[in-house]
Amino acid sequence: MADQGFEKPAYLYLQENQKYLELSVKEMKAMTKGGAMLSGHIQTVKCRSSRDVLMNLPIKNKKIQIPFEDFEFEKLSETEITAQIQLFITWQIPSS
């Protein structure tokens, strides 16, 4: 469900002094198990860093930047790699 809270595509920035993945926050809608339709947006995002510490990722101009060094990488082949990171997200759901 958290994936629905971000615009597609994400952008990867690889500059000399900055390497990060940028995600844009968007409004989302989801159906509850009880059948109610809820809408809202991401309020806070934290990631588990490579040092096993929870880091707050500030939302600025509806964007978050995840530092590249906090991803866990796995080489799949000579030409393919995969990466993952743990995100902890809270939602802002307007009261009706």
N, C-alpha and C. Protein backbone atom coordinates (compact mmCIF):
# COMPACT_ATOMS: atom_id res chain seq x y z
N MET A 1 0.82 -1.19 0.00
CA MET A 1 0.00 0.00 0.00
C MET A 1 0.86 1.26 0.00
N ALA A 2 2.00 1.24 0.66
CA ALA A 2 2.86 2.43 0.73
C ALA A 2 3.32 2.86 -0.66
N ASP A 3 3.49 1.90 -1.55
CA ASP A 3 3.90 2.22 -2.92
C ASP A 3 2.91 3.16 -3.60
N GLN A 4 1.64 3.09 -3.23
CA GLN A 4 0.62 3.94 -3.84
C GLN A 4 0.74 5.39 -3.40
N GLY A 5 1.53 5.66 -2.37
CA GLY A 5 1.70 7.02 -1.86
C GLY A 5 2.76 7.82 -2.58
N PHE A 6 3.39 7.24 -3.62
CA PHE A 6 4.45 7.92 -4.35
C PHE A 6 4.15 7.95 -5.84
N GLU A 7 4.53 9.06 -6.48
CA GLU A 7 4.41 9.21 -7.94
C GLU A 7 5.40 8.26 -8.62
N LYS A 8 5.07 7.85 -9.83
CA LYS A 8 5.99 7.06 -10.65
C LYS A 8 6.45 7.93 -11.80
N PRO A 9 7.64 7.86 -12.24
CA PRO A 9 8.75 7.06 -11.69
C PRO A 9 9.46 7.79 -10.57
N ALA A 10 10.31 7.08 -9.86
CA ALA A 10 11.25 7.68 -8.92
C ALA A 10 12.47 8.12 -9.72
N TYR A 11 13.29 8.98 -9.15
CA TYR A 11 14.48 9.45 -9.85
C TYR A 11 15.73 9.15 -9.04
N LEU A 12 16.74 8.65 -9.72
CA LEU A 12 18.02 8.33 -9.10
C LEU A 12 19.02 9.41 -9.49
N TYR A 13 19.60 10.07 -8.49
CA TYR A 13 20.57 11.13 -8.72
C TYR A 13 21.95 10.62 -8.31
N LEU A 14 22.86 10.65 -9.26
CA LEU A 14 24.24 10.20 -9.02
C LEU A 14 25.18 11.34 -9.39
N GLN A 15 25.43 12.21 -8.43
CA GLN A 15 26.35 13.31 -8.61
C GLN A 15 27.55 13.05 -7.72
N GLU A 16 28.64 13.77 -7.94
CA GLU A 16 29.86 13.52 -7.17
C GLU A 16 29.63 13.57 -5.67
N ASN A 17 28.95 14.61 -5.20
CA ASN A 17 28.80 14.78 -3.75
C ASN A 17 27.44 14.31 -3.23
N GLN A 18 26.51 13.94 -4.10
CA GLN A 18 25.19 13.49 -3.67
C GLN A 18 24.73 12.31 -4.52
N LYS A 19 24.30 11.26 -3.83
CA LYS A 19 23.75 10.08 -4.50
C LYS A 19 22.51 9.69 -3.71
N TYR A 20 21.34 9.81 -4.34
CA TYR A 20 20.11 9.52 -3.62
C TYR A 20 18.99 9.16 -4.59
N LEU A 21 17.97 8.50 -4.05
CA LEU A 21 16.76 8.20 -4.78
C LEU A 21 15.72 9.21 -4.33
N GLU A 22 15.08 9.87 -5.29
CA GLU A 22 14.07 10.87 -4.95
C GLU A 22 12.68 10.34 -5.28
N LEU A 23 11.80 10.40 -4.27
CA LEU A 23 10.41 9.98 -4.42
C LEU A 23 9.51 11.18 -4.20
N SER A 24 8.45 11.30 -5.02
CA SER A 24 7.48 12.38 -4.88
C SER A 24 6.22 11.85 -4.22
N VAL A 25 5.80 12.50 -3.15
CA VAL A 25 4.61 12.10 -2.39
C VAL A 25 3.36 12.53 -3.15
N LYS A 26 2.32 11.68 -3.13
CA LYS A 26 1.06 12.03 -3.78
C LYS A 26 -0.11 11.62 -2.89
N GLU A 27 -1.27 12.16 -3.18
CA GLU A 27 -2.49 11.75 -2.49
C GLU A 27 -2.83 10.34 -2.96
N MET A 28 -3.39 9.55 -2.06
CA MET A 28 -3.76 8.19 -2.44
C MET A 28 -5.11 7.84 -1.86
N LYS A 29 -5.73 6.83 -2.43
CA LYS A 29 -7.00 6.31 -1.95
C LYS A 29 -6.85 4.81 -1.78
N ALA A 30 -7.50 4.27 -0.75
CA ALA A 30 -7.44 2.83 -0.51
C ALA A 30 -8.73 2.40 0.17
N MET A 31 -9.11 1.18 -0.10
CA MET A 31 -10.31 0.60 0.50
C MET A 31 -9.91 -0.15 1.77
N THR A 32 -10.63 0.10 2.87
CA THR A 32 -10.36 -0.63 4.11
C THR A 32 -10.98 -2.02 4.02
N LYS A 33 -10.60 -2.90 4.93
CA LYS A 33 -11.20 -4.24 4.96
C LYS A 33 -12.71 -4.16 5.17
N GLY A 34 -13.16 -3.11 5.86
CA GLY A 34 -14.59 -2.93 6.10
C GLY A 34 -15.34 -2.33 4.93
N GLY A 35 -14.63 -1.98 3.85
CA GLY A 35 -15.29 -1.45 2.65
C GLY A 35 -15.35 0.06 2.56
N ALA A 36 -14.75 0.77 3.52
CA ALA A 36 -14.75 2.23 3.46
C ALA A 36 -13.59 2.72 2.61
N MET A 37 -13.83 3.79 1.83
CA MET A 37 -12.79 4.39 1.01
C MET A 37 -12.11 5.50 1.81
N LEU A 38 -10.81 5.39 1.97
CA LEU A 38 -10.03 6.40 2.68
C LEU A 38 -9.08 7.08 1.70
N SER A 39 -8.80 8.33 1.94
CA SER A 39 -7.80 9.03 1.14
C SER A 39 -6.88 9.78 2.09
N GLY A 40 -5.68 10.04 1.66
CA GLY A 40 -4.72 10.74 2.49
C GLY A 40 -3.37 10.82 1.80
N HIS A 41 -2.36 11.20 2.57
CA HIS A 41 -1.01 11.29 2.03
C HIS A 41 -0.01 10.94 3.12
N ILE A 42 1.20 10.68 2.68
CA ILE A 42 2.28 10.32 3.60
C ILE A 42 2.61 11.53 4.47
N GLN A 43 2.72 11.30 5.78
CA GLN A 43 3.02 12.38 6.71
C GLN A 43 4.49 12.36 7.12
N THR A 44 5.01 11.17 7.46
CA THR A 44 6.42 11.06 7.84
C THR A 44 7.02 9.81 7.21
N VAL A 45 8.32 9.86 6.95
CA VAL A 45 9.05 8.72 6.41
C VAL A 45 10.37 8.59 7.17
N LYS A 46 10.65 7.37 7.61
CA LYS A 46 11.94 7.06 8.22
C LYS A 46 12.51 5.87 7.46
N CYS A 47 13.83 5.77 7.43
CA CYS A 47 14.45 4.60 6.81
C CYS A 47 15.45 4.01 7.79
N ARG A 48 15.65 2.70 7.66
CA ARG A 48 16.68 2.03 8.46
C ARG A 48 17.99 2.20 7.70
N SER A 49 18.92 2.90 8.31
CA SER A 49 20.18 3.21 7.64
C SER A 49 21.09 1.99 7.61
N SER A 50 22.17 2.12 6.88
CA SER A 50 23.16 1.04 6.79
C SER A 50 23.83 0.80 8.15
N ARG A 51 23.72 1.77 9.06
CA ARG A 51 24.26 1.62 10.42
C ARG A 51 23.20 1.10 11.38
N ASP A 52 22.07 0.60 10.83
CA ASP A 52 20.96 0.02 11.59
C ASP A 52 20.34 1.04 12.55
N VAL A 53 20.22 2.28 12.09
CA VAL A 53 19.63 3.36 12.85
C VAL A 53 18.44 3.90 12.05
N LEU A 54 17.33 4.23 12.73
CA LEU A 54 16.20 4.83 12.04
C LEU A 54 16.49 6.31 11.81
N MET A 55 16.44 6.72 10.55
CA MET A 55 16.71 8.11 10.19
C MET A 55 15.43 8.73 9.64
N ASN A 56 15.13 9.95 10.10
CA ASN A 56 14.00 10.68 9.56
C ASN A 56 14.37 11.20 8.17
N LEU A 57 13.47 11.04 7.21
CA LEU A 57 13.66 11.58 5.86
C LEU A 57 12.67 12.72 5.69
N PRO A 58 13.14 13.97 5.77
CA PRO A 58 12.21 15.09 5.68
C PRO A 58 11.52 15.16 4.32
N ILE A 59 10.26 15.59 4.34
CA ILE A 59 9.50 15.80 3.11
C ILE A 59 9.60 17.29 2.79
N LYS A 60 10.25 17.61 1.68
CA LYS A 60 10.42 19.00 1.24
C LYS A 60 9.84 19.14 -0.15
N ASN A 61 8.92 20.06 -0.32
CA ASN A 61 8.26 20.26 -1.61
C ASN A 61 7.66 18.96 -2.15
N LYS A 62 7.06 18.18 -1.25
CA LYS A 62 6.41 16.90 -1.57
C LYS A 62 7.39 15.86 -2.10
N LYS A 63 8.67 15.98 -1.73
CA LYS A 63 9.68 15.02 -2.17
C LYS A 63 10.50 14.54 -0.98
N ILE A 64 10.93 13.27 -1.05
CA ILE A 64 11.88 12.75 -0.07
C ILE A 64 13.11 12.26 -0.82
N GLN A 65 14.25 12.33 -0.16
CA GLN A 65 15.50 11.87 -0.75
C GLN A 65 16.07 10.78 0.15
N ILE A 66 16.26 9.59 -0.41
CA ILE A 66 16.81 8.47 0.34
C ILE A 66 18.28 8.31 -0.05
N PRO A 67 19.19 8.48 0.92
CA PRO A 67 20.63 8.38 0.62
C PRO A 67 20.97 7.01 0.03
N PHE A 68 21.76 7.03 -1.02
CA PHE A 68 22.14 5.82 -1.74
C PHE A 68 22.88 4.83 -0.85
N GLU A 69 23.70 5.34 0.08
CA GLU A 69 24.52 4.45 0.91
C GLU A 69 23.68 3.65 1.91
N ASP A 70 22.42 4.00 2.08
CA ASP A 70 21.57 3.26 3.03
C ASP A 70 20.85 2.07 2.39
N PHE A 71 20.97 1.90 1.10
CA PHE A 71 20.38 0.74 0.43
C PHE A 71 21.26 -0.49 0.60
N GLU A 72 20.64 -1.65 0.61
CA GLU A 72 21.37 -2.92 0.58
C GLU A 72 21.36 -3.41 -0.86
N PHE A 73 22.54 -3.65 -1.43
CA PHE A 73 22.66 -4.06 -2.82
C PHE A 73 23.01 -5.54 -2.92
N GLU A 74 22.51 -6.17 -3.98
CA GLU A 74 22.84 -7.56 -4.26
C GLU A 74 23.11 -7.68 -5.76
N LYS A 75 24.25 -8.24 -6.10
CA LYS A 75 24.60 -8.44 -7.50
C LYS A 75 23.92 -9.71 -7.99
N LEU A 76 23.10 -9.58 -9.03
CA LEU A 76 22.38 -10.73 -9.58
C LEU A 76 23.16 -11.38 -10.72
N SER A 77 23.85 -10.55 -11.49
CA SER A 77 24.66 -11.04 -12.60
C SER A 77 25.69 -9.96 -12.93
N GLU A 78 26.41 -10.15 -14.01
CA GLU A 78 27.40 -9.16 -14.42
C GLU A 78 26.75 -7.82 -14.79
N THR A 79 25.49 -7.85 -15.18
CA THR A 79 24.83 -6.63 -15.64
C THR A 79 23.62 -6.22 -14.79
N GLU A 80 23.29 -6.99 -13.76
CA GLU A 80 22.11 -6.69 -12.96
C GLU A 80 22.42 -6.64 -11.47
N ILE A 81 21.84 -5.64 -10.82
CA ILE A 81 21.88 -5.56 -9.37
C ILE A 81 20.48 -5.24 -8.88
N THR A 82 20.22 -5.53 -7.63
CA THR A 82 18.96 -5.16 -7.01
C THR A 82 19.30 -4.45 -5.70
N ALA A 83 18.39 -3.59 -5.24
CA ALA A 83 18.61 -2.86 -4.00
C ALA A 83 17.32 -2.82 -3.21
N GLN A 84 17.47 -2.78 -1.89
CA GLN A 84 16.29 -2.66 -1.04
C GLN A 84 16.61 -1.79 0.17
N ILE A 85 15.53 -1.27 0.76
CA ILE A 85 15.66 -0.46 1.97
C ILE A 85 14.35 -0.58 2.74
N GLN A 86 14.43 -0.49 4.05
CA GLN A 86 13.23 -0.51 4.88
C GLN A 86 12.77 0.91 5.13
N LEU A 87 11.50 1.18 4.82
CA LEU A 87 10.89 2.48 5.09
C LEU A 87 9.79 2.30 6.12
N PHE A 88 9.67 3.27 7.01
CA PHE A 88 8.61 3.31 8.02
C PHE A 88 7.81 4.58 7.76
N ILE A 89 6.53 4.41 7.45
CA ILE A 89 5.72 5.53 6.95
C ILE A 89 4.50 5.72 7.83
N THR A 90 4.17 7.01 8.13
CA THR A 90 2.90 7.32 8.76
C THR A 90 2.06 8.11 7.76
N TRP A 91 0.74 7.98 7.89
CA TRP A 91 -0.18 8.59 6.94
C TRP A 91 -0.98 9.70 7.59
N GLN A 92 -1.33 10.71 6.83
CA GLN A 92 -2.24 11.78 7.24
C GLN A 92 -3.56 11.50 6.54
N ILE A 93 -4.57 11.11 7.33
CA ILE A 93 -5.89 10.84 6.76
C ILE A 93 -6.83 11.90 7.32
N PRO A 94 -7.36 12.78 6.47
CA PRO A 94 -8.25 13.84 6.96
C PRO A 94 -9.48 13.24 7.65
N SER A 95 -9.89 13.85 8.75
CA SER A 95 -11.09 13.36 9.43
C SER A 95 -12.32 13.81 8.65
N SER A 96 -13.34 12.95 8.66
CA SER A 96 -14.53 13.26 7.87
C SER A 96 -15.59 13.96 8.69
